[in-house]
Each structure stands twice: as structure tokens, then as C-alpha cells.
N, C-alpha and C. Protein backbone atom coordinates (compact mmCIF):
# COMPACT_ATOMS: atom_id res chain seq x y z
N MET A 1 11.30 35.95 -66.32
CA MET A 1 12.00 36.28 -65.13
C MET A 1 11.02 36.43 -63.96
N ASP A 2 9.89 37.10 -64.19
CA ASP A 2 8.89 37.27 -63.15
C ASP A 2 8.28 35.92 -62.74
N SER A 3 8.09 35.04 -63.69
CA SER A 3 7.53 33.73 -63.38
C SER A 3 8.52 32.88 -62.60
N MET A 4 9.80 33.05 -62.89
CA MET A 4 10.82 32.30 -62.18
C MET A 4 10.88 32.73 -60.71
N ILE A 5 10.77 34.01 -60.42
CA ILE A 5 10.77 34.52 -59.05
C ILE A 5 9.51 34.03 -58.32
N LEU A 6 8.40 34.00 -59.01
CA LEU A 6 7.14 33.53 -58.43
C LEU A 6 7.23 32.05 -58.07
N ILE A 7 7.79 31.22 -58.94
CA ILE A 7 7.93 29.78 -58.70
C ILE A 7 8.88 29.53 -57.53
N ILE A 8 9.99 30.24 -57.46
CA ILE A 8 10.96 30.06 -56.37
C ILE A 8 10.33 30.48 -55.04
N SER A 9 9.61 31.58 -55.00
CA SER A 9 8.99 32.03 -53.75
C SER A 9 7.90 31.06 -53.27
N VAL A 10 7.08 30.52 -54.19
CA VAL A 10 6.05 29.54 -53.82
C VAL A 10 6.69 28.27 -53.30
N SER A 11 7.74 27.80 -53.96
CA SER A 11 8.41 26.56 -53.49
C SER A 11 9.10 26.79 -52.15
N ALA A 12 9.65 27.98 -51.90
CA ALA A 12 10.28 28.28 -50.61
C ALA A 12 9.24 28.29 -49.50
N ILE A 13 8.07 28.85 -49.79
CA ILE A 13 6.98 28.87 -48.80
C ILE A 13 6.52 27.45 -48.49
N LEU A 14 6.41 26.58 -49.51
CA LEU A 14 6.00 25.19 -49.29
C LEU A 14 7.04 24.42 -48.45
N VAL A 15 8.33 24.63 -48.74
CA VAL A 15 9.40 23.95 -47.99
C VAL A 15 9.39 24.41 -46.54
N LEU A 16 9.28 25.71 -46.29
CA LEU A 16 9.23 26.22 -44.92
C LEU A 16 7.98 25.73 -44.18
N GLY A 17 6.86 25.67 -44.83
CA GLY A 17 5.63 25.16 -44.21
C GLY A 17 5.75 23.69 -43.85
N LEU A 18 6.35 22.89 -44.77
CA LEU A 18 6.57 21.47 -44.51
C LEU A 18 7.53 21.27 -43.35
N ALA A 19 8.60 22.07 -43.27
CA ALA A 19 9.58 21.99 -42.18
C ALA A 19 8.92 22.35 -40.85
N ALA A 20 8.06 23.35 -40.85
CA ALA A 20 7.37 23.75 -39.62
C ALA A 20 6.45 22.64 -39.12
N ILE A 21 5.75 21.98 -40.03
CA ILE A 21 4.86 20.88 -39.65
C ILE A 21 5.66 19.71 -39.08
N LEU A 22 6.77 19.35 -39.70
CA LEU A 22 7.60 18.24 -39.22
C LEU A 22 8.20 18.54 -37.85
N LEU A 23 8.65 19.77 -37.66
CA LEU A 23 9.22 20.13 -36.36
C LEU A 23 8.17 20.15 -35.26
N SER A 24 6.97 20.56 -35.55
CA SER A 24 5.94 20.63 -34.50
C SER A 24 5.43 19.26 -34.10
N THR A 25 5.40 18.30 -35.01
CA THR A 25 4.88 16.97 -34.66
C THR A 25 5.99 16.00 -34.27
N GLY A 26 7.16 16.13 -34.80
CA GLY A 26 8.22 15.15 -34.56
C GLY A 26 8.94 15.33 -33.25
N GLY A 27 8.91 16.47 -32.62
CA GLY A 27 9.68 16.73 -31.42
C GLY A 27 8.96 16.43 -30.13
N LYS A 28 7.76 15.91 -30.16
CA LYS A 28 7.00 15.66 -28.93
C LYS A 28 7.53 14.43 -28.21
N LYS A 29 7.57 14.53 -26.87
CA LYS A 29 7.95 13.40 -26.04
C LYS A 29 6.70 12.64 -25.64
N LYS A 30 6.83 11.35 -25.50
CA LYS A 30 5.70 10.54 -25.05
C LYS A 30 5.55 10.72 -23.54
N LYS A 31 4.31 10.86 -23.12
CA LYS A 31 4.05 10.99 -21.69
C LYS A 31 4.05 9.60 -21.07
N ARG A 32 4.76 9.48 -19.96
CA ARG A 32 4.82 8.21 -19.24
C ARG A 32 3.87 8.27 -18.05
N LYS A 33 3.39 7.12 -17.68
CA LYS A 33 2.56 7.05 -16.49
C LYS A 33 3.47 7.15 -15.27
N VAL A 34 3.07 7.96 -14.35
CA VAL A 34 3.84 8.15 -13.14
C VAL A 34 3.39 7.10 -12.14
N LYS A 35 4.36 6.36 -11.58
CA LYS A 35 4.02 5.37 -10.58
C LYS A 35 3.78 6.06 -9.26
N ARG A 36 2.67 5.70 -8.65
CA ARG A 36 2.34 6.28 -7.36
C ARG A 36 2.95 5.44 -6.26
N LYS A 37 3.45 6.12 -5.28
CA LYS A 37 3.91 5.39 -4.10
C LYS A 37 2.70 5.19 -3.22
N GLY A 38 2.45 3.98 -2.87
CA GLY A 38 1.26 3.69 -2.07
C GLY A 38 1.42 2.37 -1.37
N THR A 39 0.34 1.73 -1.13
CA THR A 39 0.37 0.47 -0.43
C THR A 39 0.93 -0.61 -1.32
N VAL A 40 1.54 -1.58 -0.70
CA VAL A 40 2.08 -2.71 -1.45
C VAL A 40 0.94 -3.56 -1.96
N ASN A 41 -0.01 -3.81 -1.12
CA ASN A 41 -1.15 -4.62 -1.49
C ASN A 41 -2.30 -3.67 -1.84
N LYS A 42 -2.68 -3.65 -3.11
CA LYS A 42 -3.70 -2.71 -3.57
C LYS A 42 -5.07 -2.98 -2.94
N ASN A 43 -5.31 -4.21 -2.49
CA ASN A 43 -6.61 -4.56 -1.91
C ASN A 43 -6.68 -4.24 -0.42
N ALA A 44 -5.55 -3.90 0.18
CA ALA A 44 -5.52 -3.66 1.62
C ALA A 44 -6.13 -2.31 1.95
N VAL A 45 -6.86 -2.29 3.05
CA VAL A 45 -7.49 -1.07 3.54
C VAL A 45 -6.80 -0.70 4.84
N GLU A 46 -6.29 0.54 4.95
CA GLU A 46 -5.65 0.95 6.19
C GLU A 46 -6.72 1.20 7.24
N ILE A 47 -6.54 0.59 8.40
CA ILE A 47 -7.54 0.72 9.46
C ILE A 47 -6.93 1.34 10.70
N ASP A 48 -7.78 1.84 11.55
CA ASP A 48 -7.42 2.35 12.86
C ASP A 48 -8.03 1.39 13.87
N PRO A 49 -7.22 0.49 14.46
CA PRO A 49 -7.78 -0.52 15.37
C PRO A 49 -8.52 0.05 16.57
N GLU A 50 -8.07 1.19 17.06
CA GLU A 50 -8.71 1.78 18.23
C GLU A 50 -10.16 2.15 17.94
N THR A 51 -10.41 2.87 16.86
CA THR A 51 -11.79 3.26 16.54
C THR A 51 -12.60 2.06 16.09
N LEU A 52 -11.96 1.12 15.39
CA LEU A 52 -12.67 -0.07 14.95
C LEU A 52 -13.17 -0.88 16.14
N CYS A 53 -12.30 -1.14 17.10
CA CYS A 53 -12.70 -1.94 18.27
C CYS A 53 -13.74 -1.22 19.12
N THR A 54 -13.56 0.07 19.35
CA THR A 54 -14.55 0.78 20.16
C THR A 54 -15.89 0.84 19.45
N LYS A 55 -15.87 0.99 18.13
CA LYS A 55 -17.13 1.04 17.37
C LYS A 55 -17.85 -0.31 17.43
N ILE A 56 -17.11 -1.40 17.27
CA ILE A 56 -17.73 -2.73 17.24
C ILE A 56 -18.25 -3.12 18.62
N PHE A 57 -17.47 -2.86 19.68
CA PHE A 57 -17.85 -3.35 20.99
C PHE A 57 -18.79 -2.41 21.74
N LYS A 58 -19.16 -1.28 21.15
CA LYS A 58 -20.23 -0.45 21.71
C LYS A 58 -21.59 -0.94 21.25
N LEU A 59 -21.60 -1.74 20.19
CA LEU A 59 -22.87 -2.24 19.64
C LEU A 59 -23.43 -3.36 20.51
N ALA A 60 -24.68 -3.66 20.29
CA ALA A 60 -25.30 -4.80 20.95
C ALA A 60 -24.66 -6.08 20.43
N PRO A 61 -24.66 -7.17 21.21
CA PRO A 61 -24.00 -8.40 20.77
C PRO A 61 -24.46 -8.91 19.41
N SER A 62 -25.75 -8.80 19.11
CA SER A 62 -26.23 -9.29 17.82
C SER A 62 -25.70 -8.42 16.68
N GLU A 63 -25.59 -7.12 16.90
CA GLU A 63 -25.09 -6.21 15.87
C GLU A 63 -23.57 -6.28 15.75
N SER A 64 -22.88 -6.52 16.88
CA SER A 64 -21.41 -6.56 16.83
C SER A 64 -20.91 -7.77 16.04
N LYS A 65 -21.66 -8.86 16.08
CA LYS A 65 -21.28 -10.04 15.30
C LYS A 65 -21.32 -9.72 13.81
N LYS A 66 -22.35 -9.00 13.37
CA LYS A 66 -22.45 -8.60 11.97
C LYS A 66 -21.33 -7.63 11.59
N ALA A 67 -20.99 -6.70 12.50
CA ALA A 67 -19.93 -5.73 12.24
C ALA A 67 -18.57 -6.42 12.14
N LYS A 68 -18.34 -7.44 12.98
CA LYS A 68 -17.09 -8.20 12.90
C LYS A 68 -16.98 -8.92 11.57
N GLN A 69 -18.09 -9.47 11.09
CA GLN A 69 -18.08 -10.24 9.84
C GLN A 69 -17.69 -9.36 8.65
N ASN A 70 -17.93 -8.04 8.74
CA ASN A 70 -17.51 -7.15 7.66
C ASN A 70 -15.99 -7.08 7.54
N TYR A 71 -15.28 -7.29 8.65
CA TYR A 71 -13.82 -7.17 8.63
C TYR A 71 -13.10 -8.50 8.60
N ILE A 72 -13.71 -9.56 9.10
CA ILE A 72 -13.04 -10.87 9.12
C ILE A 72 -12.88 -11.37 7.70
N GLY A 73 -11.65 -11.77 7.36
CA GLY A 73 -11.33 -12.24 6.02
C GLY A 73 -10.89 -11.12 5.08
N ARG A 74 -10.86 -9.91 5.57
CA ARG A 74 -10.49 -8.75 4.75
C ARG A 74 -9.01 -8.43 4.96
N THR A 75 -8.33 -8.02 3.89
CA THR A 75 -6.93 -7.65 3.98
C THR A 75 -6.83 -6.21 4.46
N VAL A 76 -6.07 -6.01 5.54
CA VAL A 76 -5.94 -4.68 6.13
C VAL A 76 -4.47 -4.30 6.28
N GLU A 77 -4.25 -3.01 6.44
CA GLU A 77 -2.91 -2.45 6.64
C GLU A 77 -2.96 -1.63 7.92
N VAL A 78 -1.94 -1.81 8.80
CA VAL A 78 -1.95 -1.15 10.09
C VAL A 78 -0.55 -0.60 10.39
N ARG A 79 -0.49 0.61 10.94
CA ARG A 79 0.77 1.19 11.41
C ARG A 79 1.01 0.71 12.83
N THR A 80 2.16 0.07 13.08
CA THR A 80 2.41 -0.55 14.37
C THR A 80 3.81 -0.28 14.88
N ILE A 81 4.04 -0.73 16.11
CA ILE A 81 5.35 -0.74 16.74
C ILE A 81 5.54 -2.13 17.32
N LEU A 82 6.72 -2.72 17.12
CA LEU A 82 6.98 -4.08 17.59
C LEU A 82 6.96 -4.12 19.11
N GLY A 83 6.12 -4.98 19.66
CA GLY A 83 6.03 -5.14 21.10
C GLY A 83 6.88 -6.29 21.58
N SER A 84 6.62 -7.49 21.07
CA SER A 84 7.41 -8.66 21.47
C SER A 84 7.36 -9.71 20.37
N SER A 85 8.28 -10.65 20.47
CA SER A 85 8.36 -11.71 19.47
C SER A 85 8.82 -12.98 20.18
N ASN A 86 8.16 -14.11 19.88
CA ASN A 86 8.58 -15.39 20.44
C ASN A 86 8.23 -16.52 19.48
N ARG A 87 8.57 -17.74 19.83
CA ARG A 87 8.34 -18.89 18.95
C ARG A 87 6.87 -19.06 18.62
N SER A 88 6.65 -19.55 17.42
CA SER A 88 5.28 -19.76 16.97
C SER A 88 4.94 -21.25 17.03
N LYS A 89 3.65 -21.52 17.07
CA LYS A 89 3.17 -22.90 17.05
C LYS A 89 3.19 -23.46 15.64
N LYS A 90 3.39 -22.60 14.63
CA LYS A 90 3.37 -23.04 13.24
C LYS A 90 4.65 -23.73 12.80
N GLY A 91 5.74 -23.54 13.52
CA GLY A 91 7.00 -24.19 13.15
C GLY A 91 8.20 -23.31 13.44
N SER A 92 9.37 -23.82 13.10
CA SER A 92 10.60 -23.10 13.43
C SER A 92 10.84 -21.89 12.54
N ASN A 93 10.25 -21.85 11.37
CA ASN A 93 10.45 -20.71 10.47
C ASN A 93 9.56 -19.52 10.82
N PHE A 94 8.63 -19.71 11.71
CA PHE A 94 7.68 -18.66 12.03
C PHE A 94 7.97 -18.08 13.42
N ARG A 95 7.64 -16.78 13.58
CA ARG A 95 7.71 -16.10 14.87
C ARG A 95 6.36 -15.48 15.13
N GLU A 96 5.86 -15.66 16.33
CA GLU A 96 4.62 -15.00 16.72
C GLU A 96 5.00 -13.62 17.25
N VAL A 97 4.41 -12.58 16.65
CA VAL A 97 4.73 -11.22 17.06
C VAL A 97 3.50 -10.55 17.65
N VAL A 98 3.75 -9.73 18.64
CA VAL A 98 2.71 -8.88 19.22
C VAL A 98 3.12 -7.46 18.87
N LEU A 99 2.29 -6.81 18.08
CA LEU A 99 2.56 -5.45 17.63
C LEU A 99 1.59 -4.50 18.31
N ASP A 100 2.08 -3.36 18.74
CA ASP A 100 1.22 -2.35 19.35
C ASP A 100 0.81 -1.36 18.28
N TYR A 101 -0.43 -0.90 18.35
CA TYR A 101 -0.88 0.12 17.40
C TYR A 101 -0.09 1.40 17.67
N GLN A 102 0.35 2.06 16.62
CA GLN A 102 1.28 3.18 16.73
C GLN A 102 0.72 4.35 17.55
N ASP A 103 -0.56 4.64 17.43
CA ASP A 103 -1.13 5.79 18.13
C ASP A 103 -1.59 5.48 19.55
N ASN A 104 -1.93 4.23 19.83
CA ASN A 104 -2.38 3.84 21.17
C ASN A 104 -1.87 2.44 21.45
N ARG A 105 -0.91 2.32 22.33
CA ARG A 105 -0.27 1.02 22.56
C ARG A 105 -1.12 0.02 23.35
N LYS A 106 -2.31 0.41 23.75
CA LYS A 106 -3.20 -0.53 24.44
C LYS A 106 -3.81 -1.53 23.46
N PHE A 107 -3.86 -1.18 22.19
CA PHE A 107 -4.44 -2.06 21.17
C PHE A 107 -3.32 -2.84 20.49
N HIS A 108 -3.51 -4.17 20.41
CA HIS A 108 -2.46 -5.05 19.90
C HIS A 108 -2.88 -5.74 18.61
N ILE A 109 -1.89 -5.97 17.76
CA ILE A 109 -2.07 -6.74 16.54
C ILE A 109 -1.20 -7.97 16.71
N ILE A 110 -1.80 -9.14 16.59
CA ILE A 110 -1.09 -10.40 16.84
C ILE A 110 -1.12 -11.25 15.58
N GLY A 111 0.03 -11.86 15.28
CA GLY A 111 0.09 -12.73 14.11
C GLY A 111 1.42 -13.44 14.01
N ASP A 112 1.53 -14.34 13.04
CA ASP A 112 2.75 -15.11 12.81
C ASP A 112 3.43 -14.61 11.54
N ILE A 113 4.75 -14.39 11.63
CA ILE A 113 5.54 -13.92 10.49
C ILE A 113 6.47 -15.04 10.05
N ASN A 114 6.51 -15.29 8.75
CA ASN A 114 7.43 -16.27 8.18
C ASN A 114 8.80 -15.59 8.05
N MET A 115 9.78 -16.05 8.82
CA MET A 115 11.09 -15.42 8.84
C MET A 115 11.88 -15.65 7.56
N LYS A 116 11.50 -16.63 6.75
CA LYS A 116 12.19 -16.87 5.48
C LYS A 116 11.93 -15.75 4.48
N ASP A 117 10.88 -14.98 4.69
CA ASP A 117 10.55 -13.88 3.79
C ASP A 117 11.48 -12.69 3.97
N TYR A 118 12.21 -12.64 5.08
CA TYR A 118 13.03 -11.47 5.42
C TYR A 118 14.48 -11.89 5.60
N LYS A 119 15.36 -11.39 4.72
CA LYS A 119 16.80 -11.66 4.86
C LYS A 119 17.39 -10.79 5.96
N ASP A 120 17.04 -9.52 5.94
CA ASP A 120 17.51 -8.57 6.94
C ASP A 120 16.46 -8.46 8.03
N GLN A 121 16.85 -8.71 9.26
CA GLN A 121 15.87 -8.71 10.35
C GLN A 121 16.05 -7.51 11.27
N SER A 122 16.50 -6.41 10.70
CA SER A 122 16.67 -5.19 11.49
C SER A 122 15.33 -4.61 11.93
N TRP A 123 14.25 -5.01 11.27
CA TRP A 123 12.92 -4.52 11.65
C TRP A 123 12.53 -5.00 13.03
N MET A 124 13.25 -6.00 13.56
CA MET A 124 12.89 -6.54 14.88
C MET A 124 13.39 -5.69 16.03
N THR A 125 14.14 -4.63 15.75
CA THR A 125 14.61 -3.80 16.85
C THR A 125 13.42 -3.14 17.53
N ARG A 126 13.51 -3.03 18.83
CA ARG A 126 12.40 -2.45 19.58
C ARG A 126 12.22 -0.98 19.22
N GLU A 127 11.02 -0.51 19.38
CA GLU A 127 10.62 0.87 19.12
C GLU A 127 10.70 1.25 17.65
N GLY A 128 10.87 0.27 16.76
CA GLY A 128 10.86 0.57 15.33
C GLY A 128 9.43 0.63 14.83
N LYS A 129 9.09 1.66 14.08
CA LYS A 129 7.74 1.78 13.55
C LYS A 129 7.63 0.90 12.31
N LEU A 130 6.59 0.08 12.26
CA LEU A 130 6.39 -0.86 11.17
C LEU A 130 5.00 -0.67 10.57
N LYS A 131 4.89 -0.99 9.29
CA LYS A 131 3.59 -1.02 8.64
C LYS A 131 3.38 -2.47 8.23
N VAL A 132 2.27 -3.06 8.64
CA VAL A 132 2.02 -4.47 8.37
C VAL A 132 0.73 -4.63 7.57
N VAL A 133 0.70 -5.74 6.80
CA VAL A 133 -0.48 -6.10 6.02
C VAL A 133 -0.83 -7.53 6.40
N GLY A 134 -2.11 -7.80 6.57
CA GLY A 134 -2.55 -9.14 6.89
C GLY A 134 -4.05 -9.29 6.72
N VAL A 135 -4.50 -10.53 6.84
CA VAL A 135 -5.92 -10.84 6.72
C VAL A 135 -6.49 -10.99 8.12
N VAL A 136 -7.57 -10.29 8.40
CA VAL A 136 -8.18 -10.32 9.74
C VAL A 136 -8.75 -11.71 10.02
N LYS A 137 -8.29 -12.29 11.12
CA LYS A 137 -8.75 -13.61 11.53
C LYS A 137 -9.78 -13.50 12.65
N GLU A 138 -9.50 -12.61 13.61
CA GLU A 138 -10.39 -12.48 14.77
C GLU A 138 -10.23 -11.07 15.35
N ILE A 139 -11.32 -10.55 15.89
CA ILE A 139 -11.30 -9.24 16.54
C ILE A 139 -11.82 -9.41 17.96
N THR A 140 -11.01 -9.00 18.93
CA THR A 140 -11.45 -8.99 20.32
C THR A 140 -11.44 -7.54 20.80
N LYS A 141 -11.74 -7.33 22.07
CA LYS A 141 -11.92 -5.96 22.56
C LYS A 141 -10.64 -5.12 22.45
N MET A 142 -9.48 -5.69 22.67
CA MET A 142 -8.22 -4.94 22.64
C MET A 142 -7.21 -5.51 21.65
N GLU A 143 -7.59 -6.52 20.88
CA GLU A 143 -6.65 -7.19 19.98
C GLU A 143 -7.30 -7.48 18.63
N ILE A 144 -6.44 -7.51 17.62
CA ILE A 144 -6.84 -7.96 16.29
C ILE A 144 -5.83 -9.03 15.89
N HIS A 145 -6.32 -10.22 15.56
CA HIS A 145 -5.46 -11.33 15.13
C HIS A 145 -5.43 -11.35 13.60
N LEU A 146 -4.22 -11.41 13.04
CA LEU A 146 -4.06 -11.40 11.59
C LEU A 146 -3.41 -12.68 11.10
N ASP A 147 -3.84 -13.15 9.94
CA ASP A 147 -3.20 -14.25 9.22
C ASP A 147 -2.39 -13.65 8.08
N LYS A 148 -1.43 -14.42 7.57
CA LYS A 148 -0.62 -14.00 6.41
C LYS A 148 -0.02 -12.62 6.66
N LEU A 149 0.55 -12.44 7.82
CA LEU A 149 1.11 -11.17 8.23
C LEU A 149 2.42 -10.89 7.50
N LYS A 150 2.52 -9.72 6.90
CA LYS A 150 3.73 -9.29 6.17
C LYS A 150 4.10 -7.90 6.63
N ILE A 151 5.38 -7.65 6.77
CA ILE A 151 5.86 -6.32 7.13
C ILE A 151 6.24 -5.60 5.84
N ILE A 152 5.74 -4.40 5.70
CA ILE A 152 6.01 -3.62 4.49
C ILE A 152 7.29 -2.82 4.69
């Protein structure tokens, strides 16, 4: 009788221990990676055209050429406001847009947008704040010309 009680108590302890182990490992949820909200183009660098232009054009001409070369061909992201839009020399599907930098409207971003990329053209309303991505083609004292311009 004493051995029977001992066997039942040992088996009950083993069953409870096994149940505790299964519950602790089986109930875990897998951690998912959280998607970050950020730039559409991971290679794009957000720039401030005002400080960029003043920094480049304060340099001596020989040094400013080298400073421009660091940005020409680079994909950048800029916060802008739509200034004007008219026909492009690239064809009927393109519009040449002049965008003003959001913080200082004296600095302009100029480029051609392919209208086939946008079904809804509500972004063209004046005074709408836009974020654009493009490849720097040319930098002048008050303007930055972009290729492959896309509105985010």
C-alpha cells in the first residue's frame, strides 16, 4: 500500500512537470519584424537645398566644382511646395514642374514628372506640400535640377 502511494505521487509529479514544460514552451508567439515608416527610396538622402547651395557657392570656384560632384548623380529627397507646371520638352506624357523648397521659397527644384505614373493628380493643387525624390542633375545658385523626379 505504501509503495502504491509512492508510485502514484511520483507519476503525478512527473505528469505535472511535463505539463508545465509544454505550457511554457508551446504558448510563445513568434516576434514579427515591425515595418518602419520611412522613405520610399532607401538610397535617397533628405537634403536641405538652402544650406546646400549656400555651402557650395561660398567656396572658391575650384572647390565648389568638387563639392557639386559629391551631389550630382545622387538620389535625394526634398520637401517642397508646387510652384508651377507646364509642358515638358520630353513629350506629351511629361510635365515640367517648378517646386519651391518648403522652408524657403527662394530655392527651386526643377524637373520633369511622368504623368502616367499618377492616376490621381490632386497633388497638383497649389500650396500642397509634396515630398519628392530624384537624381541630382545640376546645382545652380538658387536651383537644383532633378532627373527621374517622383512624388512620394
